[in-house]
Amino acid sequence: MQFHGRMAQFIEARNQNITVLEGFAQFQNFNVAKNLSDKTIKHYDISFKLFTDFYDISKPCCSIVEPTVFEFIAWMRNTRKISDITLISYLRPIRAMLYYFMRQGFTSPFHISEPKATAKIKEPYTEYEMAILLKKPDLKKCTFAEYRTWVIVNYLFATGNREGTVSNIKIADVKFESRIIHLKKTKNRKEQIIPLSSNLEKILKEYLRYRKGGADDYLFCNTAGERLTESALRIGIRRYNQNRGVMKTSVHLFRHTFAKDWILTGGDPFSLQEALGHSTLEMTRKYVKMFNEDLKHVYEKHNPLDRFYEKSGKTRAQSKFKKGKFNKKSIS
């Protein structure tokens, strides 16, 4: 019993001496063991780098207390002028790190709340802007990069896929015979099968006659035939859009546009959740809320009662009541 007591005291003393830097290294090893994506691991590194600008990471983990988090939030907001939405994206990895410290006994437990932030609604591409972006370039005059980006714009509008998914699709993943696309790299790391629309099928078949390449090559490539990275995809979309006079240049905005069009044309949220690869309905609900004003006009246009009144001017029942054709028995 004395041995176990001394061992517990030794572990407790050792844990109290672990620095924030050492604790973060252990935390990242834990995340690698959990098989988190490289993108998530990198985001944790970036967030920790910001935290090191604020806090002395040579201090022991136990020096971090609840007011430290409040001070960090205030520092990001007031000193670094970071917007609330971005602030939360930096805070979440630090919160995950601190909860790891608490579980390991590196620091005393306390609750960490996210600050409230008003989400800014990003205006999707308008119908007019999409008409401009979907106008096919002259294949006799345009560069391969312009043509490829036009194909990508069509692909994004047809699928709502994220840029990370798009840049990792291989030619073999497009199954023309069964008219499906097999998405093997998604944000939640779950493979997904989506339908291949008839128009996108024609566009991709034509594109592959120019792109060529084997089954294991990436669908969208640079001029050297190598995989088009997410960064290169973003740059390509920005140039393409601006050259056509469209100042919105976000790749992710095509996903919003896909969702908006789906909702406004009567698509149900459950199917949208499946199409976008969301794990839960939470983000789908956000889209519905985001386009609430547009939905209001759709409801007004398609509401059965309003359409009936608009079509007939007044109901037959009203007409009969006016003429006295209803008796007490017929309305009882």
C-alpha atoms as a PDB file:
ATOM      1  CA  MET A   1       0.000   0.000   0.000  1.00  0.00           C
ATOM      2  CA  GLN A   2       2.869   2.372   0.840  1.00  0.00           C
ATOM      3  CA  PHE A   3       4.485   1.616  -2.537  1.00  0.00           C
ATOM      4  CA  HIS A   4       1.284   2.402  -4.457  1.00  0.00           C
ATOM      5  CA  GLY A   5       0.838   5.571  -2.417  1.00  0.00           C
ATOM      6  CA  ARG A   6       4.381   6.741  -3.171  1.00  0.00           C
ATOM      7  CA  MET A   7       3.937   5.842  -6.862  1.00  0.00           C
ATOM      8  CA  ALA A   8       0.714   7.881  -7.063  1.00  0.00           C
ATOM      9  CA  GLN A   9       2.495  10.842  -5.430  1.00  0.00           C
ATOM     10  CA  PHE A  10       5.391  10.483  -7.883  1.00  0.00           C
ATOM     11  CA  ILE A  11       3.050  10.412 -10.917  1.00  0.00           C
ATOM     12  CA  GLU A  12       1.098  13.388  -9.589  1.00  0.00           C
ATOM     13  CA  ALA A  13       4.308  15.383  -9.025  1.00  0.00           C
ATOM     14  CA  ARG A  14       5.602  14.423 -12.481  1.00  0.00           C
ATOM     15  CA  ASN A  15       2.319  15.419 -14.148  1.00  0.00           C
ATOM     16  CA  GLN A  16       2.442  18.802 -12.463  1.00  0.00           C
ATOM     17  CA  ASN A  17       5.898  19.429 -13.963  1.00  0.00           C
ATOM     18  CA  ILE A  18       4.966  18.641 -17.580  1.00  0.00           C
ATOM     19  CA  THR A  19       5.225  21.788 -19.673  1.00  0.00           C
ATOM     20  CA  VAL A  20       2.562  22.983 -22.071  1.00  0.00           C
ATOM     21  CA  LEU A  21       4.896  22.186 -24.989  1.00  0.00           C
ATOM     22  CA  GLU A  22       5.457  18.621 -23.740  1.00  0.00           C
ATOM     23  CA  GLY A  23       1.755  18.213 -23.077  1.00  0.00           C
ATOM     24  CA  PHE A  24       0.879  19.341 -26.616  1.00  0.00           C
ATOM     25  CA  ALA A  25       3.377  16.851 -28.099  1.00  0.00           C
ATOM     26  CA  GLN A  26       1.650  14.058 -26.159  1.00  0.00           C
ATOM     27  CA  PHE A  27      -1.752  15.371 -27.263  1.00  0.00           C
ATOM     28  CA  GLN A  28      -0.727  15.263 -30.935  1.00  0.00           C
ATOM     29  CA  ASN A  29       0.616  11.720 -30.542  1.00  0.00           C
ATOM     30  CA  PHE A  30      -2.765  10.818 -29.067  1.00  0.00           C
ATOM     31  CA  ASN A  31      -4.497  12.382 -32.104  1.00  0.00           C
ATOM     32  CA  VAL A  32      -2.282  10.453 -34.516  1.00  0.00           C
ATOM     33  CA  ALA A  33      -3.113   7.245 -32.625  1.00  0.00           C
ATOM     34  CA  LYS A  34      -6.820   8.127 -32.991  1.00  0.00           C
ATOM     35  CA  ASN A  35      -6.185   8.270 -36.764  1.00  0.00           C
ATOM     36  CA  LEU A  36      -7.340  11.868 -37.147  1.00  0.00           C
ATOM     37  CA  SER A  37      -6.836  13.284 -40.634  1.00  0.00           C
ATOM     38  CA  ASP A  38      -3.611  15.062 -41.604  1.00  0.00           C
ATOM     39  CA  LYS A  39      -5.666  18.204 -42.178  1.00  0.00           C
ATOM     40  CA  THR A  40      -7.006  18.114 -38.598  1.00  0.00           C
ATOM     41  CA  ILE A  41      -3.531  17.476 -37.145  1.00  0.00           C
ATOM     42  CA  LYS A  42      -2.187  20.442 -39.124  1.00  0.00           C
ATOM     43  CA  HIS A  43      -5.049  22.676 -37.937  1.00  0.00           C
ATOM     44  CA  TYR A  44      -4.177  21.739 -34.336  1.00  0.00           C
ATOM     45  CA  ASP A  45      -0.547  22.734 -35.024  1.00  0.00           C
ATOM     46  CA  ILE A  46      -1.645  26.101 -36.438  1.00  0.00           C
ATOM     47  CA  SER A  47      -3.941  26.794 -33.482  1.00  0.00           C
ATOM     48  CA  PHE A  48      -1.208  25.860 -31.008  1.00  0.00           C
ATOM     49  CA  LYS A  49       1.235  28.183 -32.796  1.00  0.00           C
ATOM     50  CA  LEU A  50      -1.230  31.021 -32.198  1.00  0.00           C
ATOM     51  CA  PHE A  51      -1.531  29.976 -28.547  1.00  0.00           C
ATOM     52  CA  THR A  52       2.281  30.120 -28.184  1.00  0.00           C
ATOM     53  CA  ASP A  53       2.178  33.771 -29.260  1.00  0.00           C
ATOM     54  CA  PHE A  54      -0.116  34.397 -26.303  1.00  0.00           C
ATOM     55  CA  TYR A  55       1.196  32.036 -23.606  1.00  0.00           C
ATOM     56  CA  ASP A  56       4.605  30.915 -22.348  1.00  0.00           C
ATOM     57  CA  ILE A  57       4.550  27.223 -23.270  1.00  0.00           C
ATOM     58  CA  SER A  58       7.615  26.492 -21.115  1.00  0.00           C
ATOM     59  CA  LYS A  59       5.313  26.877 -18.106  1.00  0.00           C
ATOM     60  CA  PRO A  60       3.767  23.732 -16.586  1.00  0.00           C
ATOM     61  CA  CYS A  61       0.340  22.687 -17.859  1.00  0.00           C
ATOM     62  CA  CYS A  62      -1.098  23.152 -14.368  1.00  0.00           C
ATOM     63  CA  SER A  63      -0.509  26.916 -14.698  1.00  0.00           C
ATOM     64  CA  ILE A  64      -3.407  27.084 -17.171  1.00  0.00           C
ATOM     65  CA  VAL A  65      -6.665  27.825 -15.368  1.00  0.00           C
ATOM     66  CA  GLU A  66     -10.137  28.933 -16.474  1.00  0.00           C
ATOM     67  CA  PRO A  67      -9.288  32.693 -16.557  1.00  0.00           C
ATOM     68  CA  THR A  68      -6.376  31.833 -18.907  1.00  0.00           C
ATOM     69  CA  VAL A  69      -8.912  30.773 -21.536  1.00  0.00           C
ATOM     70  CA  PHE A  70     -10.920  33.995 -21.077  1.00  0.00           C
ATOM     71  CA  GLU A  71      -7.702  36.009 -21.491  1.00  0.00           C
ATOM     72  CA  PHE A  72      -6.786  34.034 -24.632  1.00  0.00           C
ATOM     73  CA  ILE A  73     -10.197  34.759 -26.176  1.00  0.00           C
ATOM     74  CA  ALA A  74      -9.901  38.468 -25.329  1.00  0.00           C
ATOM     75  CA  TRP A  75      -6.359  38.541 -26.756  1.00  0.00           C
ATOM     76  CA  MET A  76      -7.479  36.978 -30.054  1.00  0.00           C
ATOM     77  CA  ARG A  77     -10.404  39.363 -30.320  1.00  0.00           C
ATOM     78  CA  ASN A  78      -8.762  42.626 -29.205  1.00  0.00           C
ATOM     79  CA  THR A  79      -5.050  42.242 -30.006  1.00  0.00           C
ATOM     80  CA  ARG A  80      -5.144  40.026 -33.095  1.00  0.00           C
ATOM     81  CA  LYS A  81      -8.520  41.385 -34.313  1.00  0.00           C
ATOM     82  CA  ILE A  82      -9.717  37.867 -35.159  1.00  0.00           C
ATOM     83  CA  SER A  83     -13.380  37.539 -36.122  1.00  0.00           C
ATOM     84  CA  ASP A  84     -15.670  35.492 -33.893  1.00  0.00           C
ATOM     85  CA  ILE A  85     -16.129  32.633 -36.374  1.00  0.00           C
ATOM     86  CA  THR A  86     -12.353  32.290 -36.948  1.00  0.00           C
ATOM     87  CA  LEU A  87     -11.726  32.719 -33.221  1.00  0.00           C
ATOM     88  CA  ILE A  88     -13.913  29.695 -32.475  1.00  0.00           C
ATOM     89  CA  SER A  89     -12.077  27.613 -35.082  1.00  0.00           C
ATOM     90  CA  TYR A  90      -8.778  28.395 -33.265  1.00  0.00           C
ATOM     91  CA  LEU A  91     -10.263  27.857 -29.802  1.00  0.00           C
ATOM     92  CA  ARG A  92     -11.682  24.372 -30.462  1.00  0.00           C
ATOM     93  CA  PRO A  93      -8.268  22.640 -30.847  1.00  0.00           C
ATOM     94  CA  ILE A  94      -6.959  24.434 -27.746  1.00  0.00           C
ATOM     95  CA  ARG A  95     -10.061  23.346 -25.842  1.00  0.00           C
ATOM     96  CA  ALA A  96      -9.516  19.743 -26.997  1.00  0.00           C
ATOM     97  CA  MET A  97      -5.878  19.992 -25.863  1.00  0.00           C
ATOM     98  CA  LEU A  98      -6.838  21.344 -22.432  1.00  0.00           C
ATOM     99  CA  TYR A  99      -9.464  18.647 -21.902  1.00  0.00           C
ATOM    100  CA  TYR A 100      -6.736  16.112 -22.737  1.00  0.00           C
ATOM    101  CA  PHE A 101      -4.512  17.759 -20.100  1.00  0.00           C
ATOM    102  CA  MET A 102      -7.342  17.449 -17.567  1.00  0.00           C
ATOM    103  CA  ARG A 103      -7.887  13.750 -18.320  1.00  0.00           C
ATOM    104  CA  GLN A 104      -4.163  13.091 -17.884  1.00  0.00           C
ATOM    105  CA  GLY A 105      -4.019  15.030 -14.631  1.00  0.00           C
ATOM    106  CA  PHE A 106      -1.715  17.689 -16.088  1.00  0.00           C
ATOM    107  CA  THR A 107      -4.053  20.472 -14.990  1.00  0.00           C
ATOM    108  CA  SER A 108      -7.054  20.893 -12.700  1.00  0.00           C
ATOM    109  CA  PRO A 109     -10.432  20.344 -14.404  1.00  0.00           C
ATOM    110  CA  PHE A 110     -12.609  23.280 -15.446  1.00  0.00           C
ATOM    111  CA  HIS A 111     -15.318  23.898 -18.044  1.00  0.00           C
ATOM    112  CA  ILE A 112     -14.531  25.681 -21.325  1.00  0.00           C
ATOM    113  CA  SER A 113     -17.443  27.348 -23.106  1.00  0.00           C
ATOM    114  CA  GLU A 114     -17.362  28.538 -26.700  1.00  0.00           C
ATOM    115  CA  PRO A 115     -18.137  32.238 -27.127  1.00  0.00           C
ATOM    116  CA  LYS A 116     -21.310  32.954 -29.041  1.00  0.00           C
ATOM    117  CA  ALA A 117     -20.844  34.202 -32.557  1.00  0.00           C
ATOM    118  CA  THR A 118     -23.248  35.506 -35.143  1.00  0.00           C
ATOM    119  CA  ALA A 119     -22.745  33.428 -38.266  1.00  0.00           C
ATOM    120  CA  LYS A 120     -22.289  35.528 -41.345  1.00  0.00           C
ATOM    121  CA  ILE A 121     -24.309  34.181 -44.239  1.00  0.00           C
ATOM    122  CA  LYS A 122     -22.183  33.822 -47.340  1.00  0.00           C
ATOM    123  CA  GLU A 123     -24.272  34.748 -50.338  1.00  0.00           C
ATOM    124  CA  PRO A 124     -24.226  31.808 -52.798  1.00  0.00           C
ATOM    125  CA  TYR A 125     -23.591  32.324 -56.496  1.00  0.00           C
ATOM    126  CA  THR A 126     -26.610  33.880 -58.123  1.00  0.00           C
ATOM    127  CA  GLU A 127     -28.386  32.375 -61.115  1.00  0.00           C
ATOM    128  CA  TYR A 128     -26.858  35.094 -63.288  1.00  0.00           C
ATOM    129  CA  GLU A 129     -23.345  34.413 -61.979  1.00  0.00           C
ATOM    130  CA  MET A 130     -23.749  30.678 -62.524  1.00  0.00           C
ATOM    131  CA  ALA A 131     -24.888  31.324 -66.107  1.00  0.00           C
ATOM    132  CA  ILE A 132     -21.646  33.254 -66.676  1.00  0.00           C
ATOM    133  CA  LEU A 133     -19.467  30.592 -65.037  1.00  0.00           C
ATOM    134  CA  LEU A 134     -21.134  27.691 -66.852  1.00  0.00           C
ATOM    135  CA  LYS A 135     -20.752  29.244 -70.311  1.00  0.00           C
ATOM    136  CA  LYS A 136     -18.489  26.836 -72.160  1.00  0.00           C
ATOM    137  CA  PRO A 137     -15.193  28.290 -73.428  1.00  0.00           C
ATOM    138  CA  ASP A 138     -14.180  27.992 -77.067  1.00  0.00           C
ATOM    139  CA  LEU A 139     -12.085  24.813 -77.123  1.00  0.00           C
ATOM    140  CA  LYS A 140     -10.174  26.041 -80.187  1.00  0.00           C
ATOM    141  CA  LYS A 141      -8.966  29.145 -78.369  1.00  0.00           C
ATOM    142  CA  CYS A 142      -8.893  28.472 -74.621  1.00  0.00           C
ATOM    143  CA  THR A 143      -6.077  26.927 -72.580  1.00  0.00           C
ATOM    144  CA  PHE A 144      -6.344  23.495 -70.995  1.00  0.00           C
ATOM    145  CA  ALA A 145      -6.426  25.172 -67.562  1.00  0.00           C
ATOM    146  CA  GLU A 146      -9.484  27.261 -68.486  1.00  0.00           C
ATOM    147  CA  TYR A 147     -11.296  24.273 -69.974  1.00  0.00           C
ATOM    148  CA  ARG A 148     -10.447  22.062 -66.986  1.00  0.00           C
ATOM    149  CA  THR A 149     -11.693  24.738 -64.576  1.00  0.00           C
ATOM    150  CA  TRP A 150     -14.944  25.022 -66.540  1.00  0.00           C
ATOM    151  CA  VAL A 151     -15.362  21.250 -66.108  1.00  0.00           C
ATOM    152  CA  ILE A 152     -14.637  21.591 -62.375  1.00  0.00           C
ATOM    153  CA  VAL A 153     -17.250  24.359 -62.038  1.00  0.00           C
ATOM    154  CA  ASN A 154     -19.797  22.047 -63.663  1.00  0.00           C
ATOM    155  CA  TYR A 155     -18.709  19.231 -61.354  1.00  0.00           C
ATOM    156  CA  LEU A 156     -18.977  21.392 -58.215  1.00  0.00           C
ATOM    157  CA  PHE A 157     -22.407  22.694 -59.168  1.00  0.00           C
ATOM    158  CA  ALA A 158     -23.625  19.157 -59.951  1.00  0.00           C
ATOM    159  CA  THR A 159     -22.314  17.489 -56.774  1.00  0.00           C
ATOM    160  CA  GLY A 160     -21.684  20.045 -54.016  1.00  0.00           C
ATOM    161  CA  ASN A 161     -18.441  18.199 -53.183  1.00  0.00           C
ATOM    162  CA  ARG A 162     -15.758  19.811 -51.015  1.00  0.00           C
ATOM    163  CA  GLU A 163     -12.476  20.878 -52.631  1.00  0.00           C
ATOM    164  CA  GLY A 164     -10.521  18.185 -50.734  1.00  0.00           C
ATOM    165  CA  THR A 165     -12.792  15.515 -52.180  1.00  0.00           C
ATOM    166  CA  VAL A 166     -12.644  16.922 -55.715  1.00  0.00           C
ATOM    167  CA  SER A 167      -8.849  17.065 -55.836  1.00  0.00           C
ATOM    168  CA  ASN A 168      -8.571  13.404 -54.805  1.00  0.00           C
ATOM    169  CA  ILE A 169     -10.978  11.801 -57.287  1.00  0.00           C
ATOM    170  CA  LYS A 170      -9.316   9.361 -59.653  1.00  0.00           C
ATOM    171  CA  ILE A 171     -10.492   8.555 -63.166  1.00  0.00           C
ATOM    172  CA  ALA A 172     -11.413   5.021 -62.057  1.00  0.00           C
ATOM    173  CA  ASP A 173     -13.729   6.498 -59.395  1.00  0.00           C
ATOM    174  CA  VAL A 174     -16.075   7.737 -62.123  1.00  0.00           C
ATOM    175  CA  LYS A 175     -18.157   4.699 -63.082  1.00  0.00           C
ATOM    176  CA  PHE A 176     -19.767   5.610 -66.391  1.00  0.00           C
ATOM    177  CA  GLU A 177     -21.346   2.185 -66.879  1.00  0.00           C
ATOM    178  CA  SER A 178     -23.259   2.367 -63.566  1.00  0.00           C
ATOM    179  CA  ARG A 179     -23.487   6.194 -63.621  1.00  0.00           C
ATOM    180  CA  ILE A 180     -22.057   6.757 -60.160  1.00  0.00           C
ATOM    181  CA  ILE A 181     -19.012   8.495 -58.656  1.00  0.00           C
ATOM    182  CA  HIS A 182     -17.166   6.739 -55.851  1.00  0.00           C
ATOM    183  CA  LEU A 183     -15.829   9.348 -53.393  1.00  0.00           C
ATOM    184  CA  LYS A 184     -13.018   7.782 -51.381  1.00  0.00           C
ATOM    185  CA  LYS A 185     -11.675  10.858 -49.607  1.00  0.00           C
ATOM    186  CA  THR A 186     -14.253  12.874 -47.686  1.00  0.00           C
ATOM    187  CA  LYS A 187     -14.112  15.168 -44.662  1.00  0.00           C
ATOM    188  CA  ASN A 188     -15.586  12.588 -42.279  1.00  0.00           C
ATOM    189  CA  ARG A 189     -13.390   9.884 -43.870  1.00  0.00           C
ATOM    190  CA  LYS A 190     -16.373   7.804 -44.921  1.00  0.00           C
ATOM    191  CA  GLU A 191     -16.536   6.635 -48.520  1.00  0.00           C
ATOM    192  CA  GLN A 192     -19.565   7.868 -50.412  1.00  0.00           C
ATOM    193  CA  ILE A 193     -21.373   6.927 -53.618  1.00  0.00           C
ATOM    194  CA  ILE A 194     -23.167   9.707 -55.507  1.00  0.00           C
ATOM    195  CA  PRO A 195     -25.146   9.587 -58.780  1.00  0.00           C
ATOM    196  CA  LEU A 196     -23.562  10.827 -61.998  1.00  0.00           C
ATOM    197  CA  SER A 197     -26.013  13.171 -63.718  1.00  0.00           C
ATOM    198  CA  SER A 198     -26.503  12.846 -67.467  1.00  0.00           C
ATOM    199  CA  ASN A 199     -25.128  16.317 -68.227  1.00  0.00           C
ATOM    200  CA  LEU A 200     -22.063  15.825 -66.032  1.00  0.00           C
ATOM    201  CA  GLU A 201     -21.519  12.444 -67.671  1.00  0.00           C
ATOM    202  CA  LYS A 202     -21.316  14.067 -71.120  1.00  0.00           C
ATOM    203  CA  ILE A 203     -19.007  16.802 -69.857  1.00  0.00           C
ATOM    204  CA  LEU A 204     -16.615  14.360 -68.153  1.00  0.00           C
ATOM    205  CA  LYS A 205     -16.508  11.998 -71.138  1.00  0.00           C
ATOM    206  CA  GLU A 206     -15.532  14.885 -73.415  1.00  0.00           C
ATOM    207  CA  TYR A 207     -13.003  16.185 -70.870  1.00  0.00           C
ATOM    208  CA  LEU A 208     -11.307  12.793 -70.592  1.00  0.00           C
ATOM    209  CA  ARG A 209     -10.763  12.727 -74.349  1.00  0.00           C
ATOM    210  CA  TYR A 210      -8.572  15.809 -73.854  1.00  0.00           C
ATOM    211  CA  ARG A 211      -7.189  14.960 -70.425  1.00  0.00           C
ATOM    212  CA  LYS A 212      -6.423  11.297 -71.299  1.00  0.00           C
ATOM    213  CA  GLY A 213      -4.649   9.422 -68.481  1.00  0.00           C
ATOM    214  CA  GLY A 214      -5.066   5.982 -66.940  1.00  0.00           C
ATOM    215  CA  ALA A 215      -7.561   4.642 -64.413  1.00  0.00           C
ATOM    216  CA  ASP A 216      -5.232   5.365 -61.456  1.00  0.00           C
ATOM    217  CA  ASP A 217      -4.552   8.960 -62.523  1.00  0.00           C
ATOM    218  CA  TYR A 218      -6.354  11.824 -60.827  1.00  0.00           C
ATOM    219  CA  LEU A 219      -9.420  13.130 -62.636  1.00  0.00           C
ATOM    220  CA  PHE A 220      -8.414  16.775 -62.337  1.00  0.00           C
ATOM    221  CA  CYS A 221      -4.775  17.475 -63.060  1.00  0.00           C
ATOM    222  CA  ASN A 222      -2.397  20.356 -63.706  1.00  0.00           C
ATOM    223  CA  THR A 223      -0.747  20.960 -67.068  1.00  0.00           C
ATOM    224  CA  ALA A 224       1.938  18.375 -66.186  1.00  0.00           C
ATOM    225  CA  GLY A 225      -0.726  15.710 -65.660  1.00  0.00           C
ATOM    226  CA  GLU A 226      -0.192  15.607 -61.879  1.00  0.00           C
ATOM    227  CA  ARG A 227      -2.896  15.846 -59.204  1.00  0.00           C
ATOM    228  CA  LEU A 228      -4.479  19.265 -58.933  1.00  0.00           C
ATOM    229  CA  THR A 229      -3.914  20.215 -55.294  1.00  0.00           C
ATOM    230  CA  GLU A 230      -6.549  22.001 -53.213  1.00  0.00           C
ATOM    231  CA  SER A 231      -4.434  25.149 -53.299  1.00  0.00           C
ATOM    232  CA  ALA A 232      -4.096  25.020 -57.094  1.00  0.00           C
ATOM    233  CA  LEU A 233      -7.831  24.344 -57.410  1.00  0.00           C
ATOM    234  CA  ARG A 234      -8.622  27.467 -55.350  1.00  0.00           C
ATOM    235  CA  ILE A 235      -6.224  29.579 -57.418  1.00  0.00           C
ATOM    236  CA  GLY A 236      -7.685  28.210 -60.656  1.00  0.00           C
ATOM    237  CA  ILE A 237     -11.270  28.998 -59.589  1.00  0.00           C
ATOM    238  CA  ARG A 238     -10.293  32.512 -58.476  1.00  0.00           C
ATOM    239  CA  ARG A 239      -8.648  33.323 -61.809  1.00  0.00           C
ATOM    240  CA  TYR A 240     -11.436  31.713 -63.821  1.00  0.00           C
ATOM    241  CA  ASN A 241     -14.192  33.592 -61.963  1.00  0.00           C
ATOM    242  CA  GLN A 242     -12.437  36.961 -62.004  1.00  0.00           C
ATOM    243  CA  ASN A 243     -11.618  36.646 -65.709  1.00  0.00           C
ATOM    244  CA  ARG A 244     -15.355  36.279 -66.295  1.00  0.00           C
ATOM    245  CA  GLY A 245     -16.218  39.249 -64.092  1.00  0.00           C
ATOM    246  CA  VAL A 246     -17.513  37.238 -61.123  1.00  0.00           C
ATOM    247  CA  MET A 247     -15.871  38.588 -57.974  1.00  0.00           C
ATOM    248  CA  LYS A 248     -17.049  35.758 -55.721  1.00  0.00           C
ATOM    249  CA  THR A 249     -14.230  33.213 -55.901  1.00  0.00           C
ATOM    250  CA  SER A 250     -14.850  30.682 -53.130  1.00  0.00           C
ATOM    251  CA  VAL A 251     -14.781  27.000 -54.070  1.00  0.00           C
ATOM    252  CA  HIS A 252     -16.923  26.180 -51.020  1.00  0.00           C
ATOM    253  CA  LEU A 253     -19.549  28.657 -52.233  1.00  0.00           C
ATOM    254  CA  PHE A 254     -20.499  26.150 -54.947  1.00  0.00           C
ATOM    255  CA  ARG A 255     -21.472  23.796 -52.109  1.00  0.00           C
ATOM    256  CA  HIS A 256     -23.742  26.502 -50.651  1.00  0.00           C
ATOM    257  CA  THR A 257     -25.185  27.116 -54.109  1.00  0.00           C
ATOM    258  CA  PHE A 258     -25.844  23.395 -54.590  1.00  0.00           C
ATOM    259  CA  ALA A 259     -27.597  23.236 -51.200  1.00  0.00           C
ATOM    260  CA  LYS A 260     -29.667  26.353 -51.870  1.00  0.00           C
ATOM    261  CA  ASP A 261     -30.816  25.117 -55.267  1.00  0.00           C
ATOM    262  CA  TRP A 262     -31.660  21.720 -53.763  1.00  0.00           C
ATOM    263  CA  ILE A 263     -33.769  23.255 -50.997  1.00  0.00           C
ATOM    264  CA  LEU A 264     -35.536  25.827 -53.163  1.00  0.00           C
ATOM    265  CA  THR A 265     -36.526  23.257 -55.768  1.00  0.00           C
ATOM    266  CA  GLY A 266     -38.221  21.096 -53.148  1.00  0.00           C
ATOM    267  CA  GLY A 267     -35.473  18.633 -52.272  1.00  0.00           C
ATOM    268  CA  ASP A 268     -35.913  17.134 -48.814  1.00  0.00           C
ATOM    269  CA  PRO A 269     -33.305  17.707 -46.057  1.00  0.00           C
ATOM    270  CA  PHE A 270     -32.618  13.985 -45.546  1.00  0.00           C
ATOM    271  CA  SER A 271     -31.624  13.514 -49.196  1.00  0.00           C
ATOM    272  CA  LEU A 272     -29.531  16.707 -49.028  1.00  0.00           C
ATOM    273  CA  GLN A 273     -27.761  15.342 -45.952  1.00  0.00           C
ATOM    274  CA  GLU A 274     -26.909  12.201 -47.919  1.00  0.00           C
ATOM    275  CA  ALA A 275     -25.838  14.141 -51.020  1.00  0.00           C
ATOM    276  CA  LEU A 276     -23.508  16.424 -49.052  1.00  0.00           C
ATOM    277  CA  GLY A 277     -22.132  13.627 -46.892  1.00  0.00           C
ATOM    278  CA  HIS A 278     -23.111  15.217 -43.571  1.00  0.00           C
ATOM    279  CA  SER A 279     -22.930  12.901 -40.550  1.00  0.00           C
ATOM    280  CA  THR A 280     -25.937  14.600 -38.950  1.00  0.00           C
ATOM    281  CA  LEU A 281     -28.784  16.887 -39.979  1.00  0.00           C
ATOM    282  CA  GLU A 282     -27.258  19.824 -38.056  1.00  0.00           C
ATOM    283  CA  MET A 283     -25.491  21.415 -41.043  1.00  0.00           C
ATOM    284  CA  THR A 284     -28.460  20.699 -43.303  1.00  0.00           C
ATOM    285  CA  ARG A 285     -30.675  22.587 -40.848  1.00  0.00           C
ATOM    286  CA  LYS A 286     -28.242  25.491 -41.007  1.00  0.00           C
ATOM    287  CA  TYR A 287     -28.655  25.590 -44.782  1.00  0.00           C
ATOM    288  CA  VAL A 288     -32.444  25.628 -44.434  1.00  0.00           C
ATOM    289  CA  LYS A 289     -32.150  28.470 -41.906  1.00  0.00           C
ATOM    290  CA  MET A 290     -29.637  30.262 -44.107  1.00  0.00           C
ATOM    291  CA  PHE A 291     -32.044  30.355 -47.037  1.00  0.00           C
ATOM    292  CA  ASN A 292     -35.112  31.032 -44.918  1.00  0.00           C
ATOM    293  CA  GLU A 293     -36.015  34.267 -46.729  1.00  0.00           C
ATOM    294  CA  ASP A 294     -35.802  32.583 -50.128  1.00  0.00           C
ATOM    295  CA  LEU A 295     -37.881  29.683 -48.847  1.00  0.00           C
ATOM    296  CA  LYS A 296     -40.550  32.135 -47.782  1.00  0.00           C
ATOM    297  CA  HIS A 297     -41.011  33.196 -51.405  1.00  0.00           C
ATOM    298  CA  VAL A 298     -41.057  29.554 -52.514  1.00  0.00           C
ATOM    299  CA  TYR A 299     -43.733  28.717 -49.944  1.00  0.00           C
ATOM    300  CA  GLU A 300     -45.789  31.686 -51.095  1.00  0.00           C
ATOM    301  CA  LYS A 301     -45.467  30.559 -54.689  1.00  0.00           C
ATOM    302  CA  HIS A 302     -46.284  26.883 -54.074  1.00  0.00           C
ATOM    303  CA  ASN A 303     -48.657  27.055 -51.117  1.00  0.00           C
ATOM    304  CA  PRO A 304     -51.758  25.035 -52.151  1.00  0.00           C
ATOM    305  CA  LEU A 305     -54.250  27.421 -50.554  1.00  0.00           C
ATOM    306  CA  ASP A 306     -52.706  30.508 -52.147  1.00  0.00           C
ATOM    307  CA  ARG A 307     -52.518  28.829 -55.545  1.00  0.00           C
ATOM    308  CA  PHE A 308     -56.162  27.791 -55.267  1.00  0.00           C
ATOM    309  CA  TYR A 309     -57.302  31.314 -54.482  1.00  0.00           C
ATOM    310  CA  GLU A 310     -55.085  32.752 -57.189  1.00  0.00           C
ATOM    311  CA  LYS A 311     -56.475  30.327 -59.748  1.00  0.00           C
ATOM    312  CA  SER A 312     -60.161  30.589 -58.931  1.00  0.00           C
ATOM    313  CA  GLY A 313     -60.362  33.986 -57.289  1.00  0.00           C
ATOM    314  CA  LYS A 314     -62.793  32.564 -54.746  1.00  0.00           C
ATOM    315  CA  THR A 315     -63.831  29.088 -53.746  1.00  0.00           C
ATOM    316  CA  ARG A 316     -66.899  27.384 -55.103  1.00  0.00           C
ATOM    317  CA  ALA A 317     -68.143  27.095 -51.544  1.00  0.00           C
ATOM    318  CA  GLN A 318     -68.045  30.868 -51.138  1.00  0.00           C
ATOM    319  CA  SER A 319     -69.983  31.214 -54.381  1.00  0.00           C
ATOM    320  CA  LYS A 320     -72.641  28.744 -53.198  1.00  0.00           C
ATOM    321  CA  PHE A 321     -72.960  30.477 -49.834  1.00  0.00           C
ATOM    322  CA  LYS A 322     -73.536  33.775 -51.612  1.00  0.00           C
ATOM    323  CA  LYS A 323     -76.250  32.241 -53.744  1.00  0.00           C
ATOM    324  CA  GLY A 324     -77.802  30.499 -50.739  1.00  0.00           C
ATOM    325  CA  LYS A 325     -77.330  27.006 -52.206  1.00  0.00           C
ATOM    326  CA  PHE A 326     -76.090  25.467 -48.941  1.00  0.00           C
ATOM    327  CA  ASN A 327     -78.714  24.241 -46.454  1.00  0.00           C
ATOM    328  CA  LYS A 328     -78.167  23.489 -42.794  1.00  0.00           C
ATOM    329  CA  LYS A 329     -77.931  19.728 -43.450  1.00  0.00           C
ATOM    330  CA  SER A 330     -75.176  20.079 -46.049  1.00  0.00           C
ATOM    331  CA  ILE A 331     -72.912  21.990 -43.675  1.00  0.00           C
ATOM    332  CA  SER A 332     -73.662  20.087 -40.449  1.00  0.00           C
END
